[in-house]
PDB file of N, CA and C in Angstrom:
ATOM      1  N   UNK A   1     -11.073  -2.124   0.872  1.00  0.00           N
ATOM      2  CA  UNK A   1     -10.162  -1.309   1.639  1.00  0.00           C
ATOM      3  C   UNK A   1      -9.289  -0.461   0.707  1.00  0.00           C
ATOM      4  N   UNK A   2      -8.874  -1.032  -0.423  1.00  0.00           N
ATOM      5  CA  UNK A   2      -8.023  -0.288  -1.342  1.00  0.00           C
ATOM      6  C   UNK A   2      -8.744   0.912  -1.938  1.00  0.00           C
ATOM      7  N   UNK A   3     -10.055   0.819  -2.093  1.00  0.00           N
ATOM      8  CA  UNK A   3     -10.827   1.929  -2.626  1.00  0.00           C
ATOM      9  C   UNK A   3     -10.787   3.154  -1.732  1.00  0.00           C
ATOM     10  N   UNK A   4     -10.522   2.960  -0.454  1.00  0.00           N
ATOM     11  CA  UNK A   4     -10.458   4.070   0.495  1.00  0.00           C
ATOM     12  C   UNK A   4      -9.187   4.899   0.318  1.00  0.00           C
ATOM     13  N   UNK A   5      -8.235   4.411  -0.466  1.00  0.00           N
ATOM     14  CA  UNK A   5      -7.011   5.170  -0.693  1.00  0.00           C
ATOM     15  C   UNK A   5      -7.279   6.441  -1.489  1.00  0.00           C
ATOM     16  N   UNK A   6      -8.382   6.497  -2.210  1.00  0.00           N
ATOM     17  CA  UNK A   6      -8.738   7.679  -2.995  1.00  0.00           C
ATOM     18  C   UNK A   6      -9.597   8.608  -2.148  1.00  0.00           C
ATOM     19  N   UNK A   7      -8.958   9.263  -1.184  1.00  0.00           N
ATOM     20  CA  UNK A   7      -9.630  10.136  -0.223  1.00  0.00           C
ATOM     21  C   UNK A   7      -9.270  11.581  -0.546  1.00  0.00           C
ATOM     22  N   UNK A   8     -10.255  12.388  -0.894  1.00  0.00           N
ATOM     23  CA  UNK A   8     -10.004  13.773  -1.304  1.00  0.00           C
ATOM     24  C   UNK A   8      -9.473  14.651  -0.169  1.00  0.00           C
ATOM     25  N   UNK A   9      -9.537  14.186   1.076  1.00  0.00           N
ATOM     26  CA  UNK A   9      -9.011  14.962   2.201  1.00  0.00           C
ATOM     27  C   UNK A   9      -7.508  14.748   2.392  1.00  0.00           C
ATOM     28  N   UNK A  10      -6.933  13.857   1.604  1.00  0.00           N
ATOM     29  CA  UNK A  10      -5.514  13.523   1.707  1.00  0.00           C
ATOM     30  C   UNK A  10      -4.760  14.313   0.645  1.00  0.00           C
ATOM     31  N   UNK A  11      -3.573  14.852   0.984  1.00  0.00           N
ATOM     32  CA  UNK A  11      -2.795  15.584  -0.017  1.00  0.00           C
ATOM     33  C   UNK A  11      -2.602  14.756  -1.298  1.00  0.00           C
ATOM     34  N   UNK A  12      -2.657  15.451  -2.415  1.00  0.00           N
ATOM     35  CA  UNK A  12      -2.610  14.790  -3.722  1.00  0.00           C
ATOM     36  C   UNK A  12      -1.368  13.928  -3.915  1.00  0.00           C
ATOM     37  N   UNK A  13      -0.209  14.400  -3.464  1.00  0.00           N
ATOM     38  CA  UNK A  13       1.013  13.620  -3.670  1.00  0.00           C
ATOM     39  C   UNK A  13       0.955  12.285  -2.929  1.00  0.00           C
ATOM     40  N   UNK A  14       0.330  12.266  -1.775  1.00  0.00           N
ATOM     41  CA  UNK A  14       0.197  11.025  -1.006  1.00  0.00           C
ATOM     42  C   UNK A  14      -0.805  10.094  -1.688  1.00  0.00           C
ATOM     43  N   UNK A  15      -1.921  10.652  -2.144  1.00  0.00           N
ATOM     44  CA  UNK A  15      -2.918   9.841  -2.872  1.00  0.00           C
ATOM     45  C   UNK A  15      -2.310   9.238  -4.127  1.00  0.00           C
ATOM     46  N   UNK A  16      -1.561  10.062  -4.855  1.00  0.00           N
ATOM     47  CA  UNK A  16      -0.939   9.599  -6.095  1.00  0.00           C
ATOM     48  C   UNK A  16       0.050   8.478  -5.825  1.00  0.00           C
ATOM     49  N   UNK A  17       0.841   8.617  -4.770  1.00  0.00           N
ATOM     50  CA  UNK A  17       1.812   7.572  -4.427  1.00  0.00           C
ATOM     51  C   UNK A  17       1.124   6.268  -4.054  1.00  0.00           C
ATOM     52  N   UNK A  18       0.085   6.360  -3.257  1.00  0.00           N
ATOM     53  CA  UNK A  18      -0.601   5.135  -2.828  1.00  0.00           C
ATOM     54  C   UNK A  18      -1.333   4.476  -3.991  1.00  0.00           C
ATOM     55  N   UNK A  19      -1.973   5.266  -4.823  1.00  0.00           N
ATOM     56  CA  UNK A  19      -2.658   4.701  -5.984  1.00  0.00           C
ATOM     57  C   UNK A  19      -1.650   4.116  -6.970  1.00  0.00           C
ATOM     58  N   UNK A  20      -0.507   4.778  -7.102  1.00  0.00           N
ATOM     59  CA  UNK A  20       0.547   4.263  -7.976  1.00  0.00           C
ATOM     60  C   UNK A  20       1.082   2.934  -7.493  1.00  0.00           C
ATOM     61  N   UNK A  21       1.225   2.793  -6.183  1.00  0.00           N
ATOM     62  CA  UNK A  21       1.703   1.526  -5.620  1.00  0.00           C
ATOM     63  C   UNK A  21       0.744   0.397  -5.956  1.00  0.00           C
ATOM     64  N   UNK A  22      -0.531   0.676  -5.843  1.00  0.00           N
ATOM     65  CA  UNK A  22      -1.537  -0.353  -6.138  1.00  0.00           C
ATOM     66  C   UNK A  22      -1.536  -0.686  -7.627  1.00  0.00           C
ATOM     67  N   UNK A  23      -1.543   0.343  -8.472  1.00  0.00           N
ATOM     68  CA  UNK A  23      -1.625   0.111  -9.913  1.00  0.00           C
ATOM     69  C   UNK A  23      -0.332  -0.463 -10.483  1.00  0.00           C
ATOM     70  N   UNK A  24       0.807   0.092 -10.081  1.00  0.00           N
ATOM     71  CA  UNK A  24       2.094  -0.319 -10.657  1.00  0.00           C
ATOM     72  C   UNK A  24       2.569  -1.659 -10.112  1.00  0.00           C
ATOM     73  N   UNK A  25       2.293  -1.927  -8.858  1.00  0.00           N
ATOM     74  CA  UNK A  25       2.828  -3.137  -8.238  1.00  0.00           C
ATOM     75  C   UNK A  25       1.765  -4.167  -7.900  1.00  0.00           C
ATOM     76  N   UNK A  26       0.813  -3.814  -7.071  1.00  0.00           N
ATOM     77  CA  UNK A  26      -0.126  -4.812  -6.551  1.00  0.00           C
ATOM     78  C   UNK A  26      -0.968  -5.454  -7.656  1.00  0.00           C
ATOM     79  N   UNK A  27      -1.431  -4.668  -8.593  1.00  0.00           N
ATOM     80  CA  UNK A  27      -2.303  -5.188  -9.649  1.00  0.00           C
ATOM     81  C   UNK A  27      -1.552  -5.617 -10.904  1.00  0.00           C
ATOM     82  N   UNK A  28      -0.232  -5.538 -10.888  1.00  0.00           N
ATOM     83  CA  UNK A  28       0.593  -5.879 -12.050  1.00  0.00           C
ATOM     84  C   UNK A  28       0.784  -7.391 -12.133  1.00  0.00           C
ATOM     85  N   UNK A  29       0.025  -8.022 -12.985  1.00  0.00           N
ATOM     86  CA  UNK A  29       0.073  -9.477 -13.096  1.00  0.00           C
ATOM     87  C   UNK A  29       1.336  -9.989 -13.783  1.00  0.00           C
ATOM     88  N   UNK A  30       2.165  -9.085 -14.318  1.00  0.00           N
ATOM     89  CA  UNK A  30       3.419  -9.494 -14.952  1.00  0.00           C
ATOM     90  C   UNK A  30       4.519  -9.764 -13.932  1.00  0.00           C
ATOM     91  N   UNK A  31       4.293  -9.389 -12.691  1.00  0.00           N
ATOM     92  CA  UNK A  31       5.279  -9.598 -11.619  1.00  0.00           C
ATOM     93  C   UNK A  31       4.842 -10.763 -10.745  1.00  0.00           C
ATOM     94  N   UNK A  32       5.810 -11.395 -10.082  1.00  0.00           N
ATOM     95  CA  UNK A  32       5.494 -12.462  -9.131  1.00  0.00           C
ATOM     96  C   UNK A  32       4.732 -11.874  -7.951  1.00  0.00           C
ATOM     97  N   UNK A  33       3.852 -12.666  -7.371  1.00  0.00           N
ATOM     98  CA  UNK A  33       2.997 -12.187  -6.282  1.00  0.00           C
ATOM     99  C   UNK A  33       3.810 -11.692  -5.094  1.00  0.00           C
ATOM    100  N   UNK A  34       4.900 -12.374  -4.741  1.00  0.00           N
ATOM    101  CA  UNK A  34       5.680 -11.932  -3.587  1.00  0.00           C
ATOM    102  C   UNK A  34       6.305 -10.566  -3.827  1.00  0.00           C
ATOM    103  N   UNK A  35       6.730 -10.297  -5.051  1.00  0.00           N
ATOM    104  CA  UNK A  35       7.290  -8.985  -5.394  1.00  0.00           C
ATOM    105  C   UNK A  35       6.195  -7.928  -5.336  1.00  0.00           C
ATOM    106  N   UNK A  36       5.038  -8.257  -5.863  1.00  0.00           N
ATOM    107  CA  UNK A  36       3.914  -7.318  -5.867  1.00  0.00           C
ATOM    108  C   UNK A  36       3.521  -6.924  -4.450  1.00  0.00           C
ATOM    109  N   UNK A  37       3.389  -7.915  -3.582  1.00  0.00           N
ATOM    110  CA  UNK A  37       2.998  -7.649  -2.195  1.00  0.00           C
ATOM    111  C   UNK A  37       4.083  -6.876  -1.455  1.00  0.00           C
ATOM    112  N   UNK A  38       5.328  -7.296  -1.617  1.00  0.00           N
ATOM    113  CA  UNK A  38       6.439  -6.663  -0.911  1.00  0.00           C
ATOM    114  C   UNK A  38       6.650  -5.214  -1.315  1.00  0.00           C
ATOM    115  N   UNK A  39       6.609  -4.948  -2.612  1.00  0.00           N
ATOM    116  CA  UNK A  39       6.816  -3.574  -3.082  1.00  0.00           C
ATOM    117  C   UNK A  39       5.670  -2.660  -2.652  1.00  0.00           C
ATOM    118  N   UNK A  40       4.457  -3.150  -2.729  1.00  0.00           N
ATOM    119  CA  UNK A  40       3.315  -2.337  -2.306  1.00  0.00           C
ATOM    120  C   UNK A  40       3.405  -2.026  -0.818  1.00  0.00           C
ATOM    121  N   UNK A  41       3.742  -3.021  -0.011  1.00  0.00           N
ATOM    122  CA  UNK A  41       3.889  -2.806   1.435  1.00  0.00           C
ATOM    123  C   UNK A  41       5.008  -1.815   1.720  1.00  0.00           C
ATOM    124  N   UNK A  42       6.101  -1.915   0.978  1.00  0.00           N
ATOM    125  CA  UNK A  42       7.235  -1.011   1.173  1.00  0.00           C
ATOM    126  C   UNK A  42       6.858   0.435   0.849  1.00  0.00           C
ATOM    127  N   UNK A  43       6.149   0.635  -0.242  1.00  0.00           N
ATOM    128  CA  UNK A  43       5.730   1.986  -0.624  1.00  0.00           C
ATOM    129  C   UNK A  43       4.745   2.547   0.398  1.00  0.00           C
ATOM    130  N   UNK A  44       3.836   1.715   0.881  1.00  0.00           N
ATOM    131  CA  UNK A  44       2.900   2.182   1.912  1.00  0.00           C
ATOM    132  C   UNK A  44       3.637   2.553   3.195  1.00  0.00           C
ATOM    133  N   UNK A  45       4.723   1.859   3.496  1.00  0.00           N
ATOM    134  CA  UNK A  45       5.533   2.204   4.661  1.00  0.00           C
ATOM    135  C   UNK A  45       6.167   3.578   4.482  1.00  0.00           C
ATOM    136  N   UNK A  46       6.672   3.862   3.283  1.00  0.00           N
ATOM    137  CA  UNK A  46       7.233   5.188   2.991  1.00  0.00           C
ATOM    138  C   UNK A  46       6.159   6.263   3.134  1.00  0.00           C
ATOM    139  N   UNK A  47       4.978   5.994   2.617  1.00  0.00           N
ATOM    140  CA  UNK A  47       3.872   6.949   2.713  1.00  0.00           C
ATOM    141  C   UNK A  47       3.514   7.191   4.174  1.00  0.00           C
ATOM    142  N   UNK A  48       3.506   6.134   4.972  1.00  0.00           N
ATOM    143  CA  UNK A  48       3.162   6.251   6.391  1.00  0.00           C
ATOM    144  C   UNK A  48       4.109   7.202   7.118  1.00  0.00           C
ATOM    145  N   UNK A  49       5.349   7.287   6.671  1.00  0.00           N
ATOM    146  CA  UNK A  49       6.343   8.147   7.314  1.00  0.00           C
ATOM    147  C   UNK A  49       6.321   9.585   6.806  1.00  0.00           C
ATOM    148  N   UNK A  50       5.416   9.917   5.908  1.00  0.00           N
ATOM    149  CA  UNK A  50       5.294  11.279   5.394  1.00  0.00           C
ATOM    150  C   UNK A  50       4.703  12.168   6.487  1.00  0.00           C
ATOM    151  N   UNK A  51       5.353  13.298   6.810  1.00  0.00           N
ATOM    152  CA  UNK A  51       4.851  14.164   7.888  1.00  0.00           C
ATOM    153  C   UNK A  51       3.499  14.814   7.577  1.00  0.00           C
ATOM    154  N   UNK A  52       3.106  14.854   6.315  1.00  0.00           N
ATOM    155  CA  UNK A  52       1.826  15.462   5.932  1.00  0.00           C
ATOM    156  C   UNK A  52       0.676  14.464   5.910  1.00  0.00           C
ATOM    157  N   UNK A  53       0.936  13.247   6.329  1.00  0.00           N
ATOM    158  CA  UNK A  53      -0.071  12.192   6.276  1.00  0.00           C
ATOM    159  C   UNK A  53      -1.142  12.408   7.346  1.00  0.00           C
ATOM    160  N   UNK A  54      -2.416  12.518   6.953  1.00  0.00           N
ATOM    161  CA  UNK A  54      -3.488  12.619   7.948  1.00  0.00           C
ATOM    162  C   UNK A  54      -3.581  11.322   8.758  1.00  0.00           C
ATOM    163  N   UNK A  55      -3.954  11.439  10.017  1.00  0.00           N
ATOM    164  CA  UNK A  55      -3.998  10.291  10.915  1.00  0.00           C
ATOM    165  C   UNK A  55      -4.861   9.148  10.429  1.00  0.00           C
ATOM    166  N   UNK A  56      -6.051   9.474   9.918  1.00  0.00           N
ATOM    167  CA  UNK A  56      -6.953   8.404   9.467  1.00  0.00           C
ATOM    168  C   UNK A  56      -6.382   7.648   8.270  1.00  0.00           C
ATOM    169  N   UNK A  57      -5.624   8.349   7.446  1.00  0.00           N
ATOM    170  CA  UNK A  57      -5.029   7.711   6.266  1.00  0.00           C
ATOM    171  C   UNK A  57      -3.845   6.845   6.680  1.00  0.00           C
ATOM    172  N   UNK A  58      -3.128   7.279   7.706  1.00  0.00           N
ATOM    173  CA  UNK A  58      -2.022   6.475   8.223  1.00  0.00           C
ATOM    174  C   UNK A  58      -2.514   5.149   8.763  1.00  0.00           C
ATOM    175  N   UNK A  59      -3.639   5.190   9.466  1.00  0.00           N
ATOM    176  CA  UNK A  59      -4.241   3.962   9.985  1.00  0.00           C
ATOM    177  C   UNK A  59      -4.626   3.033   8.840  1.00  0.00           C
ATOM    178  N   UNK A  60      -5.198   3.588   7.792  1.00  0.00           N
ATOM    179  CA  UNK A  60      -5.573   2.794   6.625  1.00  0.00           C
ATOM    180  C   UNK A  60      -4.341   2.162   5.980  1.00  0.00           C
ATOM    181  N   UNK A  61      -3.281   2.952   5.837  1.00  0.00           N
ATOM    182  CA  UNK A  61      -2.038   2.422   5.257  1.00  0.00           C
ATOM    183  C   UNK A  61      -1.504   1.262   6.085  1.00  0.00           C
ATOM    184  N   UNK A  62      -1.540   1.399   7.402  1.00  0.00           N
ATOM    185  CA  UNK A  62      -1.056   0.322   8.275  1.00  0.00           C
ATOM    186  C   UNK A  62      -1.921  -0.928   8.160  1.00  0.00           C
ATOM    187  N   UNK A  63      -3.222  -0.748   8.055  1.00  0.00           N
ATOM    188  CA  UNK A  63      -4.122  -1.897   7.916  1.00  0.00           C
ATOM    189  C   UNK A  63      -3.849  -2.646   6.612  1.00  0.00           C
ATOM    190  N   UNK A  64      -3.696  -1.905   5.539  1.00  0.00           N
ATOM    191  CA  UNK A  64      -3.420  -2.530   4.243  1.00  0.00           C
ATOM    192  C   UNK A  64      -2.048  -3.193   4.265  1.00  0.00           C
ATOM    193  N   UNK A  65      -1.075  -2.488   4.828  1.00  0.00           N
ATOM    194  CA  UNK A  65       0.279  -3.033   4.905  1.00  0.00           C
ATOM    195  C   UNK A  65       0.296  -4.334   5.714  1.00  0.00           C
ATOM    196  N   UNK A  66      -0.417  -4.382   6.807  1.00  0.00           N
ATOM    197  CA  UNK A  66      -0.481  -5.599   7.629  1.00  0.00           C
ATOM    198  C   UNK A  66      -1.115  -6.750   6.847  1.00  0.00           C
ATOM    199  N   UNK A  67      -2.172  -6.456   6.099  1.00  0.00           N
ATOM    200  CA  UNK A  67      -2.820  -7.492   5.288  1.00  0.00           C
ATOM    201  C   UNK A  67      -1.875  -8.001   4.204  1.00  0.00           C
ATOM    202  N   UNK A  68      -1.138  -7.089   3.581  1.00  0.00           N
ATOM    203  CA  UNK A  68      -0.180  -7.489   2.546  1.00  0.00           C
ATOM    204  C   UNK A  68       0.924  -8.359   3.130  1.00  0.00           C
ATOM    205  N   UNK A  69       1.425  -7.983   4.292  1.00  0.00           N
ATOM    206  CA  UNK A  69       2.488  -8.766   4.926  1.00  0.00           C
ATOM    207  C   UNK A  69       1.989 -10.145   5.351  1.00  0.00           C
ATOM    208  N   UNK A  70       0.740 -10.236   5.783  1.00  0.00           N
ATOM    209  CA  UNK A  70       0.156 -11.539   6.113  1.00  0.00           C
ATOM    210  C   UNK A  70       0.106 -12.424   4.872  1.00  0.00           C
ATOM    211  N   UNK A  71      -0.344 -11.851   3.760  1.00  0.00           N
ATOM    212  CA  UNK A  71      -0.392 -12.613   2.510  1.00  0.00           C
ATOM    213  C   UNK A  71       1.007 -13.017   2.062  1.00  0.00           C
ATOM    214  N   UNK A  72       1.966 -12.108   2.223  1.00  0.00           N
ATOM    215  CA  UNK A  72       3.348 -12.402   1.840  1.00  0.00           C
ATOM    216  C   UNK A  72       3.907 -13.543   2.677  1.00  0.00           C
ATOM    217  N   UNK A  73       3.617 -13.549   3.964  1.00  0.00           N
ATOM    218  CA  UNK A  73       4.063 -14.641   4.838  1.00  0.00           C
ATOM    219  C   UNK A  73       3.431 -15.966   4.432  1.00  0.00           C
ATOM    220  N   UNK A  74       2.168 -15.938   4.049  1.00  0.00           N
ATOM    221  CA  UNK A  74       1.491 -17.160   3.613  1.00  0.00           C
ATOM    222  C   UNK A  74       2.112 -17.704   2.334  1.00  0.00           C
ATOM    223  N   UNK A  75       2.480 -16.806   1.434  1.00  0.00           N
ATOM    224  CA  UNK A  75       3.104 -17.228   0.178  1.00  0.00           C
ATOM    225  C   UNK A  75       4.480 -17.827   0.445  1.00  0.00           C
ATOM    226  N   UNK A  76       5.237 -17.199   1.323  1.00  0.00           N
ATOM    227  CA  UNK A  76       6.599 -17.683   1.582  1.00  0.00           C
ATOM    228  C   UNK A  76       6.605 -19.027   2.303  1.00  0.00           C
ATOM    229  N   UNK A  77       5.535 -19.352   3.017  1.00  0.00           N
ATOM    230  CA  UNK A  77       5.439 -20.646   3.705  1.00  0.00           C
ATOM    231  C   UNK A  77       5.112 -21.781   2.748  1.00  0.00           C
ATOM    232  N   UNK A  78       4.465 -21.447   1.641  1.00  0.00           N
ATOM    233  CA  UNK A  78       4.039 -22.515   0.727  1.00  0.00           C
ATOM    234  C   UNK A  78       5.079 -22.849  -0.317  1.00  0.00           C
TER     235      UNK A  78
END
């Protein structure tokens, strides 16, 4: 699902932000998992509110954000 974030039909600034969230936060093993998940979900939420966001990309952002929040909830329960 994360590979779909690199969509050439999406404005470059939105693609860059989403890819940056994944690279800087989600895949950063130097940070705690809850921070990684939370920050990535937060950035995707900001991207979702961008008025230039294509509809199909917004749906993808919401799907990824929901999966991240599910994982975050599982971590916080343990």
